[in-house]
Protein backbone atom coordinates (compact mmCIF):
# COMPACT_ATOMS: atom_id res chain seq x y z
CA MET A 1 90.02 74.11 90.72
CA GLY A 2 93.69 75.16 90.41
CA LEU A 3 95.53 77.63 92.55
CA ALA A 4 95.61 81.25 91.41
CA TYR A 5 99.01 82.48 90.26
CA PHE A 6 100.72 85.30 88.42
CA GLU A 7 102.84 84.58 85.38
CA ILE A 8 105.34 87.29 84.52
CA THR A 9 107.12 87.17 81.18
CA GLY A 10 109.43 89.41 79.24
CA GLY A 11 111.69 92.34 79.98
CA PRO A 12 115.10 92.55 81.60
CA ARG A 13 115.73 91.27 85.13
CA LEU A 14 115.09 93.77 87.87
CA ARG A 15 118.08 94.94 89.88
CA GLY A 16 118.52 97.45 92.65
CA ASN A 17 117.69 98.13 96.24
CA VAL A 18 114.40 98.77 97.97
CA ARG A 19 114.32 100.45 101.37
CA LEU A 20 111.81 98.76 103.64
CA SER A 21 109.99 100.81 106.23
CA GLY A 22 109.45 99.65 109.78
CA ALA A 23 106.47 97.51 110.73
CA LYS A 24 103.85 99.00 113.04
CA ASN A 25 103.20 95.72 114.85
CA ALA A 26 106.89 95.40 115.69
CA ALA A 27 107.32 99.08 116.58
CA LEU A 28 104.52 99.37 119.17
CA PRO A 29 105.88 96.86 121.75
CA ILE A 30 109.39 98.26 121.32
CA MET A 31 108.08 101.77 121.94
CA ALA A 32 106.24 100.59 125.07
CA ALA A 33 109.43 98.95 126.33
CA ALA A 34 111.00 102.42 126.53
CA ILE A 35 109.11 102.76 129.84
CA LEU A 36 111.65 100.29 131.26
CA CYS A 37 114.74 102.13 130.04
CA GLU A 38 116.98 104.56 131.84
CA GLY A 39 118.10 107.42 129.61
CA GLU A 40 117.45 108.06 125.96
CA VAL A 41 115.95 105.57 123.52
CA ILE A 42 116.29 106.30 119.78
CA LEU A 43 114.17 104.24 117.37
CA HIS A 44 114.65 104.40 113.62
CA ASP A 45 112.23 103.47 110.83
CA ILE A 46 109.10 103.78 112.98
CA PRO A 47 106.17 104.18 110.58
CA PRO A 48 104.20 107.41 111.14
CA VAL A 49 100.76 105.74 111.31
CA SER A 50 97.84 106.53 113.62
CA ASP A 51 98.55 103.71 116.13
CA VAL A 52 102.14 104.92 116.51
CA HIS A 53 100.95 108.50 117.08
CA SER A 54 98.35 107.29 119.61
CA LEU A 55 101.01 105.33 121.49
CA CYS A 56 103.27 108.40 121.45
CA GLU A 57 100.43 110.36 123.04
CA LEU A 58 99.91 107.64 125.67
CA LEU A 59 103.63 107.43 126.45
CA ALA A 60 103.75 111.21 126.89
CA LYS A 61 100.84 111.00 129.37
CA LEU A 62 102.75 108.25 131.20
CA GLY A 63 105.74 110.54 131.71
CA LEU A 64 107.97 110.00 128.69
CA ASP A 65 109.39 112.79 126.56
CA VAL A 66 108.43 111.92 122.99
CA GLU A 67 110.11 113.67 120.09
CA TRP A 68 110.21 113.03 116.35
CA ARG A 69 113.67 114.08 115.21
CA PRO A 70 114.29 115.80 111.85
CA ASP A 71 115.92 112.60 110.52
CA GLY A 72 112.64 110.71 111.17
CA ALA A 73 113.87 108.85 114.25
CA LEU A 74 111.71 108.69 117.37
CA ARG A 75 113.37 109.79 120.63
CA LEU A 76 111.90 108.61 123.94
CA ILE A 77 113.11 109.47 127.45
CA ALA A 78 111.38 108.37 130.67
CA ARG A 79 111.19 111.52 132.83
CA ASP A 80 108.25 111.23 135.22
CA GLU A 81 107.60 107.79 136.67
CA MET A 82 104.68 108.81 138.88
CA ASN A 83 101.81 108.41 136.41
CA CYS A 84 100.50 104.85 136.28
CA LYS A 85 97.18 105.51 134.58
CA ALA A 86 96.63 104.69 130.90
CA GLU A 87 93.78 107.08 130.03
CA TYR A 88 90.74 105.63 128.30
CA ASP A 89 90.54 108.43 125.72
CA ILE A 90 93.89 107.30 124.35
CA VAL A 91 93.65 103.55 125.07
CA ARG A 92 90.34 103.22 123.24
CA LYS A 93 92.02 104.20 119.97
CA MET A 94 94.10 101.01 119.66
CA ARG A 95 94.25 97.43 120.85
CA ALA A 96 98.05 97.63 121.07
CA SER A 97 97.78 99.93 124.10
CA ILE A 98 97.92 96.74 126.19
CA CYS A 99 101.65 96.73 125.36
CA VAL A 100 102.27 99.36 128.07
CA LEU A 101 100.79 97.24 130.86
CA GLY A 102 103.76 94.88 131.33
CA PRO A 103 106.39 97.64 131.36
CA LEU A 104 104.26 99.74 133.73
CA ILE A 105 103.96 96.88 136.20
CA ALA A 106 107.63 95.93 135.88
CA LYS A 107 109.04 99.45 136.24
CA ARG A 108 106.51 101.18 138.44
CA HIS A 109 105.22 98.41 140.72
CA THR A 110 106.37 100.15 143.90
CA ARG A 111 104.53 103.30 142.89
CA ALA A 112 101.61 101.21 141.70
CA SER A 113 101.11 99.83 145.20
CA HIS A 114 100.31 103.40 146.27
CA ASN A 115 98.77 104.83 143.10
CA LYS A 116 97.47 101.76 141.25
CA ILE A 117 98.23 100.98 137.65
CA THR A 118 95.01 101.57 135.79
CA THR A 119 94.12 100.78 132.23
CA THR A 120 90.93 100.16 130.34
CA THR A 121 89.90 97.86 127.53
CA PRO A 122 90.08 99.51 124.10
CA HIS A 123 86.60 99.88 122.65
CA ASN A 124 87.44 98.10 119.40
CA ALA A 125 88.79 95.06 121.31
CA ARG A 126 85.47 94.32 123.01
CA GLY A 127 83.36 91.44 121.76
CA SER A 128 84.41 88.53 119.60
CA ARG A 129 86.76 88.62 116.67
């Protein structure tokens, strides 16, 4: 049995530019890394998908100001470094919520020794894949 393929014939050659949008799987760890940053972080071409919005909600609960700018860029600023708990109601929505664990430990470990860094396993990550 041969390999499946597409054969395209005819017409003029295509020319032009295509703007590519950002990739969710690349955006989520970069967004989580904003926990480590001092000052403002501006991210461009972040796709407005549900996992991105869930992570924005989680980052806001963890003390970051989260703002979608009119030009579509995402603005993140770490303001309150006291919260070290990743709430289950948000974490359960996405497997990528684990991305905040490393930055939380790295940035807030001194506070974590008093308050604990707490996270839960996302519901859809349980069991085998």
